[in-house]
Amino acid sequence: MIGTDIAAFLEGPTMILLSTRDDAHRAFIARGSGIRLDRRNGHIHVLLCQGQWPDVGKHAVAGAPMAVTVVRPSDYRAFQIKGAIKSVALASEEERQRATAYVARMLEVMGELGVTKAQLAHTLTDKDLVRISFLPTDLFAQTPGPGAGQRLARTPS
């Protein structure tokens, strides 16, 4: 479902927003601390600071729906990916290192756009990480404009 061009976009300099929901379908959102497509099985792995975003983490359970929106700050090109959570686990050392590199890179990218570290410090972190893995079922264009919300791909039911 996720081609090489979208995979490269995901792993590029993008801001990550993820959402889970409770049993009453109330949404909870958080800022992610890294994202990666596992090309072997098609799962997407998103890193989340569970201490900072406890409601999202609480509702990130196997089988639950999840949505992730990735936005490139330089031009606001954006995609949303929806799917079902497969697993949640503490981040590995490699994933923690990837999150540290992600945070540093995004602070640099956002700084070039005039956003200070102080403005992002409370939402962009590499601490207390869990990895949420999900299998994409739907891909949407979310770049502002006439194509926003257009479904680009869907896994057949």
Protein backbone atom coordinates (compact mmCIF):
# COMPACT_ATOMS: atom_id res chain seq x y z
CA MET A 1 0.00 0.00 0.00
CA ILE A 2 2.79 2.45 0.87
CA GLY A 3 5.06 2.91 -2.14
CA THR A 4 8.69 3.96 -2.06
CA ASP A 5 7.85 7.62 -2.72
CA ILE A 6 5.47 7.85 0.26
CA ALA A 7 7.88 5.83 2.43
CA ALA A 8 10.67 8.30 1.63
CA PHE A 9 8.32 11.18 2.42
CA LEU A 10 7.37 9.64 5.79
CA GLU A 11 10.98 9.23 6.80
CA GLY A 12 11.97 12.68 5.55
CA PRO A 13 11.74 15.91 7.53
CA THR A 14 8.08 15.68 8.53
CA MET A 15 6.16 16.58 11.64
CA ILE A 16 4.12 13.63 12.89
CA LEU A 17 0.69 13.70 14.50
CA LEU A 18 -0.93 10.50 15.68
CA SER A 19 -4.39 9.79 16.96
CA THR A 20 -6.09 7.02 18.87
CA ARG A 21 -9.61 6.96 20.27
CA ASP A 22 -11.49 5.65 23.25
CA ASP A 23 -14.55 3.39 23.31
CA ALA A 24 -16.81 6.44 22.96
CA HIS A 25 -14.87 7.41 19.78
CA ARG A 26 -13.32 10.51 21.37
CA ALA A 27 -10.05 11.22 19.63
CA PHE A 28 -6.75 11.80 21.42
CA ILE A 29 -3.82 13.31 19.54
CA ALA A 30 -0.08 13.50 20.09
CA ARG A 31 3.09 14.55 18.34
CA GLY A 32 5.24 11.64 17.23
CA SER A 33 8.98 11.38 17.75
CA GLY A 34 9.84 9.41 14.63
CA ILE A 35 8.30 7.18 12.00
CA ARG A 36 9.50 4.32 9.85
CA LEU A 37 8.00 1.94 7.32
CA ASP A 38 9.03 -1.69 7.76
CA ARG A 39 9.38 -2.70 4.14
CA ARG A 40 9.35 -6.41 5.04
CA ASN A 41 5.81 -6.53 6.41
CA GLY A 42 4.33 -3.13 5.50
CA HIS A 43 3.87 -2.06 9.13
CA ILE A 44 4.47 1.53 10.11
CA HIS A 45 6.27 2.14 13.41
CA VAL A 46 5.63 5.45 15.18
CA LEU A 47 7.48 6.56 18.31
CA LEU A 48 5.49 8.24 21.07
CA CYS A 49 6.48 9.82 24.38
CA GLN A 50 3.99 8.00 26.58
CA GLY A 51 4.54 10.26 29.59
CA GLN A 52 3.78 13.38 27.60
CA TRP A 53 0.81 11.93 25.72
CA PRO A 54 -0.75 9.43 28.18
CA ASP A 55 -4.24 9.42 26.67
CA VAL A 56 -2.94 8.47 23.23
CA GLY A 57 -0.76 5.77 24.78
CA LYS A 58 -3.60 4.44 26.92
CA HIS A 59 -5.77 3.87 23.84
CA ALA A 60 -2.96 2.47 21.68
CA VAL A 61 -3.81 -1.20 21.99
CA ALA A 62 -3.63 -4.07 19.53
CA GLY A 63 -6.63 -4.08 17.22
CA ALA A 64 -7.57 -0.45 17.87
CA PRO A 65 -7.75 2.02 14.98
CA MET A 66 -5.05 4.61 14.54
CA ALA A 67 -4.42 7.58 12.27
CA VAL A 68 -1.08 9.22 11.56
CA THR A 69 -0.67 12.49 9.69
CA VAL A 70 2.75 13.51 8.41
CA VAL A 71 3.40 17.06 7.23
CA ARG A 72 6.48 18.50 5.59
CA PRO A 73 6.87 21.95 7.17
CA SER A 74 8.63 23.55 4.21
CA ASP A 75 5.61 23.29 1.89
CA TYR A 76 2.88 21.70 4.04
CA ARG A 77 2.62 18.64 1.80
CA ALA A 78 0.76 16.14 3.95
CA PHE A 79 -0.58 12.60 4.04
CA GLN A 80 -2.76 10.76 6.52
CA ILE A 81 -2.50 7.01 7.01
CA LYS A 82 -5.11 5.02 8.88
CA GLY A 83 -4.92 1.44 10.04
CA ALA A 84 -5.17 -1.04 12.87
CA ILE A 85 -2.62 -1.22 15.66
CA LYS A 86 -0.66 -4.47 15.64
CA SER A 87 1.56 -3.98 18.69
CA VAL A 88 2.84 -1.54 21.27
CA ALA A 89 6.24 -1.99 22.94
CA LEU A 90 8.95 -0.02 24.67
CA ALA A 91 11.28 1.55 22.13
CA SER A 92 14.53 -0.29 21.51
CA GLU A 93 17.90 1.41 21.89
CA GLU A 94 18.10 1.79 18.09
CA GLU A 95 14.65 3.40 18.06
CA ARG A 96 15.61 5.76 20.88
CA GLN A 97 18.67 6.83 18.90
CA ARG A 98 16.50 7.33 15.83
CA ALA A 99 14.13 9.51 17.91
CA THR A 100 17.04 11.62 19.19
CA ALA A 101 18.21 12.16 15.60
CA TYR A 102 14.63 12.92 14.50
CA VAL A 103 14.12 15.55 17.22
CA ALA A 104 17.46 17.23 16.43
CA ARG A 105 16.68 17.26 12.70
CA MET A 106 13.19 18.67 13.16
CA LEU A 107 14.40 21.36 15.56
CA GLU A 108 16.87 22.38 12.85
CA VAL A 109 14.24 22.29 10.07
CA MET A 110 11.73 24.23 12.11
CA GLY A 111 14.42 26.71 13.21
CA GLU A 112 15.13 27.47 9.56
CA LEU A 113 11.43 28.31 9.23
CA GLY A 114 11.52 30.67 12.22
CA VAL A 115 10.17 28.35 14.93
CA THR A 116 12.37 28.37 18.01
CA LYS A 117 13.45 25.41 20.11
CA ALA A 118 11.61 26.93 23.05
CA GLN A 119 8.38 26.87 21.06
CA LEU A 120 8.76 23.15 20.34
CA ALA A 121 10.48 21.90 23.48
CA HIS A 122 7.26 20.97 25.24
CA THR A 123 5.87 18.91 22.34
CA LEU A 124 8.87 17.41 20.57
CA THR A 125 10.80 14.94 22.70
CA ASP A 126 12.82 11.73 22.59
CA LYS A 127 12.08 10.62 26.18
CA ASP A 128 9.90 7.81 27.60
CA LEU A 129 9.27 6.27 24.19
CA VAL A 130 7.02 3.47 23.04
CA ARG A 131 6.79 2.09 19.53
CA ILE A 132 3.29 1.77 18.13
CA SER A 133 3.17 -0.49 15.09
CA PHE A 134 0.18 -0.51 12.77
CA LEU A 135 -0.79 -1.95 9.43
CA PRO A 136 -1.98 0.75 7.01
CA THR A 137 -5.40 0.27 5.44
CA ASP A 138 -6.06 3.75 4.01
CA LEU A 139 -3.90 6.54 2.61
CA PHE A 140 -5.20 10.08 2.08
CA ALA A 141 -3.77 13.26 0.59
CA GLN A 142 -3.99 16.03 3.19
CA THR A 143 -2.07 18.86 1.55
CA PRO A 144 -4.27 21.96 1.76
CA GLY A 145 -6.10 22.65 -1.47
CA PRO A 146 -8.61 20.99 -3.76
CA GLY A 147 -7.17 17.47 -3.31
CA ALA A 148 -7.20 17.50 0.50
CA GLY A 149 -8.97 14.45 1.88
CA GLN A 150 -8.73 12.45 -1.34
CA ARG A 151 -8.22 8.73 -0.73
CA LEU A 152 -5.09 7.61 -2.54
CA ALA A 153 -5.13 3.93 -1.57
CA ARG A 154 -7.21 1.45 0.37
CA THR A 155 -6.54 -2.13 1.32
CA PRO A 156 -9.43 -4.30 0.09
CA SER A 157 -11.57 -5.66 2.95
